[in-house]
Amino acid sequence: MNDINIEPGDVVQWWGGGMPYTKHEIIISQYGPFYLDMGVGNYLGVSYGNYQTWMDLYNQDLGKMIENYENKDKVIGAEVCLWSELSN
């Protein structure tokens, strides 16, 4: 979180793999298991990742996913994402 002015009480949304140290609470929205458009492909016909069903999303174990993170106690939850250019 270098050179980013974060106010006290702000919540950080983390998209990447791993997790940098922060003293703030964190919401995870990792690109793999929390993306509704994975495995569908894009308008160029490029497919990426594995298709995620609703059951796949609900069966994610966030605790297991972050168990090796040093600041896992700061994680307050997860968020699913959708790139709107890939939705129909």
N, C-alpha and C. Protein backbone atom coordinates (compact mmCIF):
# COMPACT_ATOMS: atom_id res chain seq x y z
N MET A 1 0.82 -1.17 0.00
CA MET A 1 0.00 0.00 0.00
C MET A 1 0.88 1.25 0.00
N ASN A 2 1.96 1.20 -0.71
CA ASN A 2 2.89 2.33 -0.76
C ASN A 2 2.27 3.52 -1.48
N ASP A 3 2.50 4.70 -0.96
CA ASP A 3 2.12 5.96 -1.61
C ASP A 3 0.62 6.11 -1.85
N ILE A 4 -0.21 5.40 -1.15
CA ILE A 4 -1.65 5.55 -1.28
C ILE A 4 -2.16 6.16 0.01
N ASN A 5 -2.85 7.27 -0.10
CA ASN A 5 -3.37 7.95 1.08
C ASN A 5 -4.70 7.31 1.48
N ILE A 6 -4.66 6.46 2.47
CA ILE A 6 -5.85 5.79 2.96
C ILE A 6 -6.19 6.38 4.32
N GLU A 7 -7.43 6.79 4.45
CA GLU A 7 -7.88 7.41 5.70
C GLU A 7 -8.14 6.35 6.76
N PRO A 8 -8.02 6.70 8.03
CA PRO A 8 -8.38 5.77 9.10
C PRO A 8 -9.83 5.33 8.94
N GLY A 9 -10.07 4.06 9.10
CA GLY A 9 -11.43 3.54 8.98
C GLY A 9 -11.81 3.11 7.57
N ASP A 10 -10.98 3.44 6.55
CA ASP A 10 -11.25 3.00 5.18
C ASP A 10 -11.09 1.48 5.08
N VAL A 11 -11.84 0.88 4.19
CA VAL A 11 -11.75 -0.55 3.92
C VAL A 11 -11.08 -0.72 2.56
N VAL A 12 -10.15 -1.66 2.47
CA VAL A 12 -9.40 -1.91 1.24
C VAL A 12 -10.04 -3.07 0.49
N GLN A 13 -10.20 -2.92 -0.82
CA GLN A 13 -10.64 -4.02 -1.67
C GLN A 13 -9.41 -4.54 -2.38
N TRP A 14 -9.14 -5.84 -2.21
CA TRP A 14 -7.94 -6.43 -2.80
C TRP A 14 -8.33 -7.40 -3.90
N TRP A 15 -7.80 -7.17 -5.09
CA TRP A 15 -8.14 -7.95 -6.26
C TRP A 15 -7.08 -8.98 -6.60
N GLY A 16 -5.85 -8.73 -6.31
CA GLY A 16 -4.75 -9.59 -6.75
C GLY A 16 -4.59 -10.85 -5.94
N GLY A 17 -3.62 -11.65 -6.34
CA GLY A 17 -3.26 -12.84 -5.56
C GLY A 17 -2.39 -12.44 -4.39
N GLY A 18 -2.33 -13.28 -3.38
CA GLY A 18 -1.59 -12.89 -2.19
C GLY A 18 -2.27 -11.70 -1.55
N MET A 19 -1.63 -11.10 -0.58
CA MET A 19 -2.23 -9.93 0.04
C MET A 19 -1.15 -9.11 0.73
N PRO A 20 -1.02 -7.83 0.36
CA PRO A 20 0.00 -6.99 1.00
C PRO A 20 -0.41 -6.64 2.43
N TYR A 21 0.55 -6.26 3.23
CA TYR A 21 0.24 -5.86 4.59
C TYR A 21 -0.54 -4.55 4.58
N THR A 22 -1.56 -4.47 5.38
CA THR A 22 -2.28 -3.23 5.64
C THR A 22 -2.88 -3.32 7.03
N LYS A 23 -3.03 -2.18 7.67
CA LYS A 23 -3.66 -2.15 8.99
C LYS A 23 -5.18 -2.01 8.86
N HIS A 24 -5.67 -1.88 7.63
CA HIS A 24 -7.10 -1.69 7.37
C HIS A 24 -7.81 -3.01 7.14
N GLU A 25 -9.12 -2.99 7.31
CA GLU A 25 -9.93 -4.17 6.99
C GLU A 25 -9.92 -4.36 5.48
N ILE A 26 -10.09 -5.62 5.05
CA ILE A 26 -9.93 -5.98 3.63
C ILE A 26 -11.14 -6.76 3.14
N ILE A 27 -11.59 -6.43 1.94
CA ILE A 27 -12.57 -7.24 1.21
C ILE A 27 -11.83 -7.85 0.03
N ILE A 28 -11.94 -9.16 -0.13
CA ILE A 28 -11.25 -9.85 -1.21
C ILE A 28 -12.19 -10.06 -2.40
N SER A 29 -11.69 -9.78 -3.59
CA SER A 29 -12.43 -10.10 -4.81
C SER A 29 -11.44 -10.66 -5.82
N GLN A 30 -10.83 -11.79 -5.47
CA GLN A 30 -9.82 -12.40 -6.33
C GLN A 30 -10.39 -12.75 -7.69
N TYR A 31 -9.57 -12.63 -8.68
CA TYR A 31 -10.00 -12.78 -10.06
C TYR A 31 -10.49 -14.18 -10.41
N GLY A 32 -10.07 -15.21 -9.73
CA GLY A 32 -10.48 -16.57 -10.10
C GLY A 32 -11.84 -16.97 -9.58
N PRO A 33 -11.92 -17.35 -8.32
CA PRO A 33 -13.15 -17.92 -7.82
C PRO A 33 -14.29 -16.93 -7.63
N PHE A 34 -14.04 -15.64 -7.67
CA PHE A 34 -15.09 -14.67 -7.40
C PHE A 34 -15.50 -13.86 -8.63
N TYR A 35 -15.23 -14.37 -9.81
CA TYR A 35 -15.64 -13.66 -11.02
C TYR A 35 -16.74 -14.44 -11.74
N LEU A 36 -17.89 -13.79 -11.93
CA LEU A 36 -19.05 -14.45 -12.52
C LEU A 36 -18.87 -14.76 -14.01
N ASP A 37 -17.93 -14.10 -14.66
CA ASP A 37 -17.74 -14.30 -16.10
C ASP A 37 -16.59 -15.25 -16.43
N MET A 38 -16.01 -15.91 -15.46
CA MET A 38 -14.90 -16.83 -15.73
C MET A 38 -15.38 -18.00 -16.59
N GLY A 39 -14.58 -18.36 -17.59
CA GLY A 39 -14.87 -19.51 -18.43
C GLY A 39 -15.87 -19.24 -19.54
N VAL A 40 -16.42 -18.04 -19.58
CA VAL A 40 -17.43 -17.71 -20.58
C VAL A 40 -16.78 -17.24 -21.87
N GLY A 41 -15.68 -16.54 -21.78
CA GLY A 41 -15.03 -15.98 -22.96
C GLY A 41 -15.43 -14.53 -23.15
N ASN A 42 -14.75 -13.85 -24.04
CA ASN A 42 -15.09 -12.45 -24.27
C ASN A 42 -15.54 -12.23 -25.71
N TYR A 43 -15.82 -11.00 -26.06
CA TYR A 43 -16.33 -10.67 -27.39
C TYR A 43 -15.32 -10.96 -28.50
N LEU A 44 -14.08 -11.20 -28.15
CA LEU A 44 -13.07 -11.58 -29.14
C LEU A 44 -12.96 -13.10 -29.28
N GLY A 45 -13.78 -13.82 -28.52
CA GLY A 45 -13.77 -15.28 -28.59
C GLY A 45 -12.70 -15.92 -27.73
N VAL A 46 -12.07 -15.14 -26.87
CA VAL A 46 -11.01 -15.67 -26.01
C VAL A 46 -11.63 -16.17 -24.71
N SER A 47 -11.41 -17.43 -24.40
CA SER A 47 -11.90 -18.00 -23.16
C SER A 47 -10.78 -17.96 -22.12
N TYR A 48 -11.13 -17.79 -20.88
CA TYR A 48 -10.13 -17.78 -19.82
C TYR A 48 -10.74 -18.34 -18.55
N GLY A 49 -9.93 -19.03 -17.79
CA GLY A 49 -10.38 -19.57 -16.52
C GLY A 49 -11.40 -20.69 -16.67
N ASN A 50 -11.87 -21.18 -15.56
CA ASN A 50 -12.89 -22.21 -15.54
C ASN A 50 -14.24 -21.59 -15.24
N TYR A 51 -15.25 -22.09 -15.91
CA TYR A 51 -16.60 -21.59 -15.69
C TYR A 51 -17.00 -21.79 -14.23
N GLN A 52 -17.57 -20.76 -13.61
CA GLN A 52 -17.98 -20.81 -12.21
C GLN A 52 -19.51 -20.86 -12.13
N THR A 53 -20.04 -21.89 -11.53
CA THR A 53 -21.49 -21.95 -11.31
C THR A 53 -21.80 -21.27 -9.97
N TRP A 54 -23.08 -21.05 -9.69
CA TRP A 54 -23.46 -20.48 -8.40
C TRP A 54 -23.02 -21.38 -7.26
N MET A 55 -23.11 -22.68 -7.46
CA MET A 55 -22.67 -23.60 -6.41
C MET A 55 -21.17 -23.47 -6.16
N ASP A 56 -20.39 -23.29 -7.23
CA ASP A 56 -18.95 -23.07 -7.06
C ASP A 56 -18.69 -21.84 -6.20
N LEU A 57 -19.43 -20.77 -6.48
CA LEU A 57 -19.24 -19.53 -5.72
C LEU A 57 -19.62 -19.71 -4.26
N TYR A 58 -20.75 -20.32 -4.00
CA TYR A 58 -21.21 -20.50 -2.62
C TYR A 58 -20.36 -21.49 -1.84
N ASN A 59 -19.68 -22.37 -2.54
CA ASN A 59 -18.85 -23.38 -1.87
C ASN A 59 -17.41 -22.95 -1.66
N GLN A 60 -17.08 -21.71 -1.99
CA GLN A 60 -15.72 -21.21 -1.75
C GLN A 60 -15.48 -21.14 -0.25
N ASP A 61 -14.31 -21.55 0.18
CA ASP A 61 -13.94 -21.51 1.59
C ASP A 61 -12.94 -20.38 1.78
N LEU A 62 -13.45 -19.21 2.12
CA LEU A 62 -12.60 -18.04 2.27
C LEU A 62 -11.54 -18.25 3.35
N GLY A 63 -11.91 -18.90 4.43
CA GLY A 63 -10.96 -19.17 5.51
C GLY A 63 -9.78 -19.98 5.02
N LYS A 64 -10.04 -20.99 4.23
CA LYS A 64 -8.97 -21.82 3.68
C LYS A 64 -8.14 -21.04 2.66
N MET A 65 -8.81 -20.20 1.89
CA MET A 65 -8.15 -19.41 0.86
C MET A 65 -7.12 -18.45 1.44
N ILE A 66 -7.40 -17.92 2.63
CA ILE A 66 -6.51 -16.91 3.22
C ILE A 66 -5.70 -17.44 4.40
N GLU A 67 -5.77 -18.73 4.67
CA GLU A 67 -5.15 -19.27 5.88
C GLU A 67 -3.65 -19.01 6.00
N ASN A 68 -2.95 -18.83 4.90
CA ASN A 68 -1.51 -18.58 4.96
C ASN A 68 -1.14 -17.10 4.87
N TYR A 69 -2.13 -16.22 4.80
CA TYR A 69 -1.86 -14.78 4.74
C TYR A 69 -1.51 -14.27 6.13
N GLU A 70 -0.50 -13.44 6.19
CA GLU A 70 -0.04 -12.92 7.46
C GLU A 70 -1.10 -12.05 8.16
N ASN A 71 -1.85 -11.29 7.39
CA ASN A 71 -2.84 -10.39 7.98
C ASN A 71 -4.28 -10.85 7.71
N LYS A 72 -4.49 -12.15 7.77
CA LYS A 72 -5.82 -12.73 7.50
C LYS A 72 -6.88 -12.24 8.48
N ASP A 73 -6.47 -11.80 9.65
CA ASP A 73 -7.44 -11.30 10.63
C ASP A 73 -8.10 -10.00 10.19
N LYS A 74 -7.55 -9.36 9.18
CA LYS A 74 -8.11 -8.11 8.65
C LYS A 74 -9.19 -8.35 7.59
N VAL A 75 -9.31 -9.57 7.08
CA VAL A 75 -10.29 -9.88 6.03
C VAL A 75 -11.69 -9.93 6.64
N ILE A 76 -12.58 -9.10 6.11
CA ILE A 76 -13.95 -9.06 6.62
C ILE A 76 -14.94 -9.74 5.68
N GLY A 77 -14.48 -10.15 4.50
CA GLY A 77 -15.37 -10.85 3.58
C GLY A 77 -14.84 -10.84 2.16
N ALA A 78 -15.71 -11.30 1.27
CA ALA A 78 -15.36 -11.38 -0.15
C ALA A 78 -16.49 -10.80 -0.98
N GLU A 79 -16.18 -10.49 -2.23
CA GLU A 79 -17.15 -9.89 -3.14
C GLU A 79 -17.01 -10.57 -4.50
N VAL A 80 -18.12 -10.93 -5.12
CA VAL A 80 -18.05 -11.45 -6.48
C VAL A 80 -18.09 -10.29 -7.46
N CYS A 81 -17.46 -10.47 -8.60
CA CYS A 81 -17.34 -9.41 -9.60
C CYS A 81 -17.79 -9.91 -10.96
N LEU A 82 -18.11 -8.98 -11.82
CA LEU A 82 -18.53 -9.29 -13.18
C LEU A 82 -18.07 -8.15 -14.09
N TRP A 83 -17.30 -8.49 -15.09
CA TRP A 83 -16.94 -7.51 -16.11
C TRP A 83 -18.14 -7.32 -17.00
N SER A 84 -18.75 -6.17 -17.00
CA SER A 84 -20.01 -5.96 -17.72
C SER A 84 -19.89 -6.11 -19.23
N GLU A 85 -18.69 -5.90 -19.78
CA GLU A 85 -18.55 -6.08 -21.23
C GLU A 85 -18.65 -7.56 -21.63
N LEU A 86 -18.60 -8.45 -20.64
CA LEU A 86 -18.70 -9.87 -20.92
C LEU A 86 -20.07 -10.44 -20.54
N SER A 87 -20.95 -9.60 -20.05
CA SER A 87 -22.29 -10.08 -19.69
C SER A 87 -23.25 -9.83 -20.84
N ASN A 88 -24.35 -10.52 -20.81
CA ASN A 88 -25.30 -10.39 -21.91
C ASN A 88 -26.69 -10.21 -21.35
